[in-house]
Amino acid sequence: QAQLVESGGGLVQAGGSLRLSCAASGRTFSQYAFLGWFRQAPGKEREFVAAVSWGGTNIRYADSVKGRFTISRDNGKNMMYLQMNSLKPEDTAVYYCGAGPYGSSRVADFGSWGQGTQVTVPS
């Protein structure tokens, strides 16, 4: 069964940067047409952050992270990344990567979730 594994979270001060990674196991990475990053803060629903197509030509961002976060993928290495700059306390959440249909940003459309990685930005 396909499974995605997130890593790279941690504690960072406001204004700092982190790079999250997502690795695939059990399935060739290039078979994922659309890969995305989502996050879930305590007491809130999981929300879309960013997504990228297989070839990297279709990229989407939530308005809240545009200009600060950059998503990328390396199919040869079976990896996807989320570079997060200018982090804010409101970015604090557990970050998940998931696989979904081309062009979607709906949480309900995505699956193969990993265990998540915690990002904490103290206020």
C-alpha atoms as a PDB file:
ATOM      1  CA  GLN A   1       0.000   0.000   0.000  1.00  0.00           C
ATOM      2  CA  ALA A   2       1.305   3.434  -0.935  1.00  0.00           C
ATOM      3  CA  GLN A   3       2.452   5.530   1.988  1.00  0.00           C
ATOM      4  CA  LEU A   4       3.887   8.997   2.313  1.00  0.00           C
ATOM      5  CA  VAL A   5       6.243   9.977   5.124  1.00  0.00           C
ATOM      6  CA  GLU A   6       6.797  13.559   6.254  1.00  0.00           C
ATOM      7  CA  SER A   7       9.861  14.927   8.018  1.00  0.00           C
ATOM      8  CA  GLY A   8      11.643  18.188   8.752  1.00  0.00           C
ATOM      9  CA  GLY A   9       9.336  19.843  11.251  1.00  0.00           C
ATOM     10  CA  GLY A  10      10.528  21.571  14.385  1.00  0.00           C
ATOM     11  CA  LEU A  11      10.493  24.663  16.553  1.00  0.00           C
ATOM     12  CA  VAL A  12      11.474  27.903  14.831  1.00  0.00           C
ATOM     13  CA  GLN A  13      11.191  31.536  15.810  1.00  0.00           C
ATOM     14  CA  ALA A  14       8.908  33.887  13.920  1.00  0.00           C
ATOM     15  CA  GLY A  15      10.569  35.038  10.721  1.00  0.00           C
ATOM     16  CA  GLY A  16      12.616  31.868  10.457  1.00  0.00           C
ATOM     17  CA  SER A  17      12.616  29.072   7.882  1.00  0.00           C
ATOM     18  CA  LEU A  18      12.068  25.330   7.710  1.00  0.00           C
ATOM     19  CA  ARG A  19      12.149  22.806   4.898  1.00  0.00           C
ATOM     20  CA  LEU A  20       9.726  19.917   5.060  1.00  0.00           C
ATOM     21  CA  SER A  21      10.261  16.713   3.108  1.00  0.00           C
ATOM     22  CA  CYS A  22       7.828  14.058   1.918  1.00  0.00           C
ATOM     23  CA  ALA A  23       9.031  10.621   0.838  1.00  0.00           C
ATOM     24  CA  ALA A  24       7.012   7.901  -0.866  1.00  0.00           C
ATOM     25  CA  SER A  25       7.171   4.189  -0.228  1.00  0.00           C
ATOM     26  CA  GLY A  26       5.330   1.296  -1.820  1.00  0.00           C
ATOM     27  CA  ARG A  27       4.684   3.138  -5.056  1.00  0.00           C
ATOM     28  CA  THR A  28       6.695   4.895  -7.730  1.00  0.00           C
ATOM     29  CA  PHE A  29       6.631   8.567  -6.919  1.00  0.00           C
ATOM     30  CA  SER A  30       5.978   9.586 -10.493  1.00  0.00           C
ATOM     31  CA  GLN A  31       2.617   7.779 -10.356  1.00  0.00           C
ATOM     32  CA  TYR A  32       1.260  10.492  -8.093  1.00  0.00           C
ATOM     33  CA  ALA A  33      -0.342  12.983 -10.460  1.00  0.00           C
ATOM     34  CA  PHE A  34      -0.802  15.667  -7.824  1.00  0.00           C
ATOM     35  CA  LEU A  35       0.938  15.871  -4.475  1.00  0.00           C
ATOM     36  CA  GLY A  36       0.037  18.336  -1.791  1.00  0.00           C
ATOM     37  CA  TRP A  37       0.899  19.718   1.605  1.00  0.00           C
ATOM     38  CA  PHE A  38      -1.842  20.246   4.149  1.00  0.00           C
ATOM     39  CA  ARG A  39      -1.808  21.336   7.775  1.00  0.00           C
ATOM     40  CA  GLN A  40      -3.957  20.948  10.836  1.00  0.00           C
ATOM     41  CA  ALA A  41      -3.762  23.241  13.824  1.00  0.00           C
ATOM     42  CA  PRO A  42      -5.164  22.212  17.225  1.00  0.00           C
ATOM     43  CA  GLY A  43      -8.950  22.398  17.243  1.00  0.00           C
ATOM     44  CA  LYS A  44      -9.130  23.183  13.538  1.00  0.00           C
ATOM     45  CA  GLU A  45      -9.848  21.215  10.395  1.00  0.00           C
ATOM     46  CA  ARG A  46      -7.100  20.116   8.045  1.00  0.00           C
ATOM     47  CA  GLU A  47      -6.495  22.767   5.406  1.00  0.00           C
ATOM     48  CA  PHE A  48      -4.778  23.004   2.062  1.00  0.00           C
ATOM     49  CA  VAL A  49      -1.329  24.602   1.913  1.00  0.00           C
ATOM     50  CA  ALA A  50       0.196  23.847  -1.494  1.00  0.00           C
ATOM     51  CA  ALA A  51       0.171  21.260  -4.272  1.00  0.00           C
ATOM     52  CA  VAL A  52       2.259  20.414  -7.311  1.00  0.00           C
ATOM     53  CA  SER A  53       1.669  18.332 -10.429  1.00  0.00           C
ATOM     54  CA  TRP A  54       3.861  15.467 -11.627  1.00  0.00           C
ATOM     55  CA  GLY A  55       5.848  17.667 -13.990  1.00  0.00           C
ATOM     56  CA  GLY A  56       5.882  20.674 -11.697  1.00  0.00           C
ATOM     57  CA  THR A  57       3.951  22.828 -14.158  1.00  0.00           C
ATOM     58  CA  ASN A  58       0.762  23.107 -12.111  1.00  0.00           C
ATOM     59  CA  ILE A  59       1.429  24.587  -8.700  1.00  0.00           C
ATOM     60  CA  ARG A  60      -1.146  25.918  -6.269  1.00  0.00           C
ATOM     61  CA  TYR A  61      -0.831  27.754  -2.957  1.00  0.00           C
ATOM     62  CA  ALA A  62      -3.230  28.811  -0.271  1.00  0.00           C
ATOM     63  CA  ASP A  63      -3.488  32.585  -0.086  1.00  0.00           C
ATOM     64  CA  SER A  64      -2.118  32.514   3.450  1.00  0.00           C
ATOM     65  CA  VAL A  65       1.258  31.137   2.326  1.00  0.00           C
ATOM     66  CA  LYS A  66       1.740  32.727  -1.105  1.00  0.00           C
ATOM     67  CA  GLY A  67       5.086  34.458  -1.367  1.00  0.00           C
ATOM     68  CA  ARG A  68       6.433  32.695   1.734  1.00  0.00           C
ATOM     69  CA  PHE A  69       6.231  28.959   0.957  1.00  0.00           C
ATOM     70  CA  THR A  70       7.597  27.117  -2.074  1.00  0.00           C
ATOM     71  CA  ILE A  71       6.593  23.582  -3.041  1.00  0.00           C
ATOM     72  CA  SER A  72       8.728  21.363  -5.238  1.00  0.00           C
ATOM     73  CA  ARG A  73       9.169  17.692  -6.094  1.00  0.00           C
ATOM     74  CA  ASP A  74      11.990  15.502  -7.352  1.00  0.00           C
ATOM     75  CA  ASN A  75      10.506  12.403  -8.948  1.00  0.00           C
ATOM     76  CA  GLY A  76      13.932  10.853  -9.448  1.00  0.00           C
ATOM     77  CA  LYS A  77      14.506  10.909  -5.696  1.00  0.00           C
ATOM     78  CA  ASN A  78      10.885  10.125  -4.785  1.00  0.00           C
ATOM     79  CA  MET A  79      10.767  13.314  -2.737  1.00  0.00           C
ATOM     80  CA  MET A  80       8.582  16.380  -2.365  1.00  0.00           C
ATOM     81  CA  TYR A  81       9.533  19.478  -0.412  1.00  0.00           C
ATOM     82  CA  LEU A  82       7.983  22.521   1.194  1.00  0.00           C
ATOM     83  CA  GLN A  83      10.338  25.431   1.789  1.00  0.00           C
ATOM     84  CA  MET A  84       8.772  27.674   4.404  1.00  0.00           C
ATOM     85  CA  ASN A  85      10.164  31.163   4.900  1.00  0.00           C
ATOM     86  CA  SER A  86       9.044  34.128   7.015  1.00  0.00           C
ATOM     87  CA  LEU A  87       7.212  31.765   9.339  1.00  0.00           C
ATOM     88  CA  LYS A  88       4.461  33.162  11.542  1.00  0.00           C
ATOM     89  CA  PRO A  89       2.854  31.851  14.744  1.00  0.00           C
ATOM     90  CA  GLU A  90      -0.292  31.099  12.743  1.00  0.00           C
ATOM     91  CA  ASP A  91       1.726  28.601  10.697  1.00  0.00           C
ATOM     92  CA  THR A  92       1.926  26.380  13.769  1.00  0.00           C
ATOM     93  CA  ALA A  93       0.325  23.034  12.893  1.00  0.00           C
ATOM     94  CA  VAL A  94       0.966  19.428  12.036  1.00  0.00           C
ATOM     95  CA  TYR A  95       1.896  19.301   8.359  1.00  0.00           C
ATOM     96  CA  TYR A  96       0.870  16.357   6.189  1.00  0.00           C
ATOM     97  CA  CYS A  97       1.594  15.376   2.619  1.00  0.00           C
ATOM     98  CA  GLY A  98      -1.012  13.608   0.543  1.00  0.00           C
ATOM     99  CA  ALA A  99      -1.709  12.370  -2.975  1.00  0.00           C
ATOM    100  CA  GLY A 100      -4.741  13.467  -4.941  1.00  0.00           C
ATOM    101  CA  PRO A 101      -6.303  13.995  -8.365  1.00  0.00           C
ATOM    102  CA  TYR A 102      -4.787  16.464 -10.774  1.00  0.00           C
ATOM    103  CA  GLY A 103      -5.691  20.050 -10.016  1.00  0.00           C
ATOM    104  CA  SER A 104      -7.492  19.484  -6.725  1.00  0.00           C
ATOM    105  CA  SER A 105      -6.919  21.322  -3.455  1.00  0.00           C
ATOM    106  CA  ARG A 106      -9.759  19.695  -1.534  1.00  0.00           C
ATOM    107  CA  VAL A 107      -8.751  17.761   1.556  1.00  0.00           C
ATOM    108  CA  ALA A 108     -11.442  15.156   0.871  1.00  0.00           C
ATOM    109  CA  ASP A 109      -9.866  14.323  -2.500  1.00  0.00           C
ATOM    110  CA  PHE A 110      -6.457  13.465  -1.040  1.00  0.00           C
ATOM    111  CA  GLY A 111      -5.209  10.315   0.645  1.00  0.00           C
ATOM    112  CA  SER A 112      -2.130   8.222   1.429  1.00  0.00           C
ATOM    113  CA  TRP A 113      -1.521  10.530   4.369  1.00  0.00           C
ATOM    114  CA  GLY A 114       1.620  10.185   6.401  1.00  0.00           C
ATOM    115  CA  GLN A 115       1.870  10.583  10.165  1.00  0.00           C
ATOM    116  CA  GLY A 116       2.557  14.308   9.880  1.00  0.00           C
ATOM    117  CA  THR A 117       5.365  16.507  11.141  1.00  0.00           C
ATOM    118  CA  GLN A 118       4.925  19.214  13.774  1.00  0.00           C
ATOM    119  CA  VAL A 119       5.854  22.809  13.008  1.00  0.00           C
ATOM    120  CA  THR A 120       5.815  25.213  15.947  1.00  0.00           C
ATOM    121  CA  VAL A 121       6.337  28.974  15.659  1.00  0.00           C
ATOM    122  CA  PRO A 122       6.038  30.576  19.115  1.00  0.00           C
ATOM    123  CA  SER A 123       4.304  33.930  19.388  1.00  0.00           C
END
